[in-house]
Amino acid sequence: DYWAAGVRHIVALRGDPPADPAGGPARFAPVPGGHASAAALVEALKRRHDFEISVSCYPEVHPEARSPEADLDALKAKVHAGASRAISQFFFEPDIFFRFRDRVAAAGLDIELVPGILPVSNYANLKRMAVSCGTHLPDWMGRLFDGLDDKPAARQLVAATVAAEMARRLYAGGVRHFHFYTLNRAELSYAICHLLGVRPAQQVTA
């Protein structure tokens, strides 16, 4: 149905496991007839049609991975299944992404890596998200957002500046495409794009 509607690019994600009602660790299990991994999903999509497929990658290792090597093997499986682009989990130090990019290249994987950038709209929520996905929060971030809980305008200004500076450093390191996690706050990502010099396409009127 997607193909018939003209869709040619799909972001294929396994998805997060549901929370354990008993409070134990969440564990992923495919639904009956479903796919056990993102690689299996990519393979099934490519069997249907020649979609351009993006997948996820984790510069700081997926929290369910046994090791960095196992995590890289999971990315390899998705590439071999037909993925051509990987969008990263969010991170806050450009060097983390650059080291990951070097490891992917050393593994011989031919895939575009797109850094995922999360503008910080709520630092308390960010800390919870970072724990669940294994993202390191540098000390300087806590200091930057300290005292801004009840100052949303100042918080947005700081968030936009931090994200734009990170994008600038990534661009200096050769990155040309970026993925912003908007969390339904489009105006913040719009402001960041404006800081980076991106403008809406001019509309030509007759």
Protein backbone atom coordinates (compact mmCIF):
# COMPACT_ATOMS: atom_id res chain seq x y z
CA ASP A 1 0.00 0.00 0.00
CA TYR A 2 2.84 2.41 0.76
CA TRP A 3 4.45 1.67 -2.59
CA ALA A 4 1.15 2.19 -4.42
CA ALA A 5 0.77 5.54 -2.64
CA GLY A 6 4.15 6.69 -3.96
CA VAL A 7 6.21 6.13 -0.81
CA ARG A 8 9.78 5.15 -1.69
CA HIS A 9 11.70 5.78 1.55
CA ILE A 10 10.97 3.93 4.79
CA VAL A 11 12.58 4.19 8.22
CA ALA A 12 12.52 0.59 9.45
CA LEU A 13 12.72 0.19 13.24
CA ARG A 14 12.22 -2.90 15.35
CA GLY A 15 10.56 -0.78 18.01
CA ASP A 16 10.90 -0.72 21.77
CA PRO A 17 9.60 -3.62 23.86
CA PRO A 18 6.55 -2.91 26.01
CA ALA A 19 7.11 -2.24 29.67
CA ASP A 20 6.97 -5.26 31.97
CA PRO A 21 3.80 -4.92 34.14
CA ALA A 22 5.69 -6.63 36.97
CA GLY A 23 8.41 -3.99 36.83
CA GLY A 24 11.12 -6.25 35.43
CA PRO A 25 13.34 -5.49 32.44
CA ALA A 26 11.46 -4.98 29.19
CA ARG A 27 12.10 -7.74 26.68
CA PHE A 28 11.27 -7.69 22.99
CA ALA A 29 9.24 -10.55 21.51
CA PRO A 30 7.79 -10.50 17.98
CA VAL A 31 4.05 -10.75 17.55
CA PRO A 32 2.83 -13.93 15.81
CA GLY A 33 3.91 -13.69 12.21
CA GLY A 34 6.04 -10.63 12.97
CA HIS A 35 9.74 -9.96 12.59
CA ALA A 36 12.27 -10.75 15.30
CA SER A 37 14.65 -7.92 14.37
CA ALA A 38 14.99 -4.77 12.29
CA ALA A 39 17.20 -6.72 9.87
CA ALA A 40 14.36 -9.17 9.25
CA LEU A 41 11.98 -6.25 8.69
CA VAL A 42 14.38 -4.65 6.19
CA GLU A 43 14.73 -7.95 4.35
CA ALA A 44 10.94 -8.34 4.14
CA LEU A 45 10.51 -4.79 2.84
CA LYS A 46 13.15 -5.27 0.15
CA ARG A 47 11.41 -8.45 -0.97
CA ARG A 48 8.23 -6.45 -1.49
CA HIS A 49 9.67 -3.46 -3.36
CA ASP A 50 12.94 -1.63 -3.87
CA PHE A 51 12.42 0.85 -1.05
CA GLU A 52 15.22 3.12 0.10
CA ILE A 53 15.50 2.06 3.73
CA SER A 54 16.92 3.88 6.74
CA VAL A 55 17.59 2.08 10.01
CA SER A 56 18.80 3.03 13.46
CA CYS A 57 22.32 2.95 14.87
CA TYR A 58 23.74 3.57 18.33
CA PRO A 59 27.02 5.51 18.65
CA GLU A 60 27.08 4.61 22.36
CA VAL A 61 25.87 0.98 21.90
CA HIS A 62 22.29 -0.25 22.04
CA PRO A 63 21.29 -0.96 25.67
CA GLU A 64 20.32 -4.54 24.76
CA ALA A 65 23.59 -5.30 22.95
CA ARG A 66 25.98 -7.74 24.64
CA SER A 67 28.99 -5.69 23.50
CA PRO A 68 30.00 -2.95 21.05
CA GLU A 69 31.01 -5.69 18.62
CA ALA A 70 27.59 -7.35 18.86
CA ASP A 71 25.94 -3.98 18.30
CA LEU A 72 28.05 -3.43 15.18
CA ASP A 73 27.10 -6.93 13.97
CA ALA A 74 23.43 -5.93 14.29
CA LEU A 75 24.07 -2.90 12.07
CA LYS A 76 25.92 -5.12 9.60
CA ALA A 77 22.89 -7.41 9.41
CA LYS A 78 20.65 -4.45 8.58
CA VAL A 79 23.06 -3.24 5.89
CA HIS A 80 23.32 -6.71 4.35
CA ALA A 81 19.51 -6.94 4.37
CA GLY A 82 19.32 -3.82 2.21
CA ALA A 83 19.51 -0.67 4.38
CA SER A 84 21.35 2.26 2.80
CA ARG A 85 21.22 4.83 5.61
CA ALA A 86 21.43 4.71 9.41
CA ILE A 87 20.05 7.44 11.66
CA SER A 88 21.79 7.58 15.02
CA GLN A 89 20.37 7.66 18.50
CA PHE A 90 20.84 11.12 20.01
CA PHE A 91 24.18 12.01 21.62
CA PHE A 92 25.78 15.21 22.91
CA GLU A 93 29.49 15.00 22.10
CA PRO A 94 30.45 15.13 18.40
CA ASP A 95 33.55 13.01 19.06
CA ILE A 96 31.25 10.13 20.08
CA PHE A 97 29.74 10.19 16.59
CA PHE A 98 33.11 10.56 14.87
CA ARG A 99 34.56 7.55 16.74
CA PHE A 100 31.50 5.51 15.83
CA ARG A 101 31.84 6.57 12.18
CA ASP A 102 35.45 5.38 12.22
CA ARG A 103 34.42 1.99 13.66
CA VAL A 104 31.74 1.56 11.00
CA ALA A 105 34.22 2.41 8.25
CA ALA A 106 36.82 0.04 9.72
CA ALA A 107 34.19 -2.72 9.61
CA GLY A 108 33.84 -2.17 5.86
CA LEU A 109 30.22 -1.05 6.02
CA ASP A 110 29.09 1.12 3.13
CA ILE A 111 26.23 3.08 4.68
CA GLU A 112 25.47 6.74 5.18
CA LEU A 113 25.44 7.69 8.86
CA VAL A 114 23.09 10.53 9.81
CA PRO A 115 23.54 11.99 13.31
CA GLY A 116 20.39 12.23 15.39
CA ILE A 117 20.21 15.54 17.26
CA LEU A 118 17.82 16.07 20.15
CA PRO A 119 17.15 19.71 21.08
CA VAL A 120 16.66 19.78 24.85
CA SER A 121 13.22 21.13 25.68
CA ASN A 122 13.05 19.56 29.16
CA TYR A 123 16.25 18.51 30.92
CA ALA A 124 14.53 16.37 33.56
CA ASN A 125 12.79 14.35 30.84
CA LEU A 126 16.06 14.13 28.93
CA LYS A 127 17.81 12.51 31.90
CA ARG A 128 15.16 9.77 31.99
CA MET A 129 15.41 9.21 28.24
CA ALA A 130 19.20 9.09 28.36
CA VAL A 131 19.17 6.36 31.01
CA SER A 132 16.76 4.21 28.98
CA CYS A 133 18.80 4.39 25.77
CA GLY A 134 22.31 4.44 27.23
CA THR A 135 23.22 8.00 26.22
CA HIS A 136 25.93 9.80 28.19
CA LEU A 137 25.01 13.27 29.45
CA PRO A 138 28.13 15.43 29.87
CA ASP A 139 28.43 17.45 33.07
CA TRP A 140 28.46 20.74 31.20
CA MET A 141 24.89 20.12 30.00
CA GLY A 142 23.59 19.86 33.53
CA ARG A 143 25.30 23.12 34.41
CA LEU A 144 23.86 24.86 31.33
CA PHE A 145 20.27 23.93 32.11
CA ASP A 146 20.51 24.32 35.87
CA GLY A 147 17.99 26.89 37.11
CA LEU A 148 15.99 27.03 33.86
CA ASP A 149 13.10 24.73 34.83
CA ASP A 150 10.68 27.65 35.17
CA LYS A 151 12.21 29.77 32.38
CA PRO A 152 11.03 28.15 29.12
CA ALA A 153 12.15 31.00 26.85
CA ALA A 154 15.72 30.96 28.21
CA ARG A 155 15.71 27.15 28.10
CA GLN A 156 14.76 27.17 24.42
CA LEU A 157 17.47 29.71 23.63
CA VAL A 158 20.10 27.55 25.33
CA ALA A 159 18.76 24.38 23.67
CA ALA A 160 18.84 25.93 20.20
CA THR A 161 22.37 27.25 20.72
CA VAL A 162 23.69 23.89 21.97
CA ALA A 163 22.13 21.96 19.09
CA ALA A 164 23.26 24.44 16.45
CA GLU A 165 26.83 24.40 17.79
CA MET A 166 26.88 20.60 17.73
CA ALA A 167 25.59 20.59 14.15
CA ARG A 168 28.30 23.11 13.22
CA ARG A 169 31.02 20.88 14.68
CA LEU A 170 29.60 17.81 12.95
CA TYR A 171 29.48 19.72 9.66
CA ALA A 172 33.13 20.68 10.11
CA GLY A 173 33.83 16.95 10.47
CA GLY A 174 32.25 16.13 7.13
CA VAL A 175 28.60 15.50 8.05
CA ARG A 176 26.13 16.86 5.51
CA HIS A 177 22.76 15.46 6.61
CA PHE A 178 21.14 15.74 10.03
CA HIS A 179 18.09 14.25 11.72
CA PHE A 180 16.35 16.31 14.43
CA TYR A 181 14.23 14.62 17.07
CA THR A 182 11.55 17.30 17.40
CA LEU A 183 9.42 15.63 20.14
CA ASN A 184 6.50 17.64 18.75
CA ARG A 185 8.37 20.91 19.26
CA ALA A 186 8.78 21.95 15.64
CA GLU A 187 9.48 25.60 16.47
CA LEU A 188 12.70 24.70 18.30
CA SER A 189 14.07 22.69 15.37
CA TYR A 190 12.94 25.48 13.03
CA ALA A 191 14.96 27.99 15.05
CA ILE A 192 18.02 25.71 14.95
CA CYS A 193 17.76 25.38 11.18
CA HIS A 194 17.53 29.17 10.95
CA LEU A 195 20.70 29.50 13.06
CA LEU A 196 22.43 27.10 10.66
CA GLY A 197 21.45 29.19 7.64
CA VAL A 198 18.66 26.97 6.32
CA ARG A 199 15.70 28.93 4.96
CA PRO A 200 12.33 27.88 3.52
CA ALA A 201 12.24 27.53 -0.25
CA GLN A 202 10.98 30.70 -1.89
CA GLN A 203 7.47 30.33 -3.26
CA VAL A 204 7.10 31.68 -6.78
CA THR A 205 3.80 33.46 -7.35
CA ALA A 206 2.34 34.04 -10.79
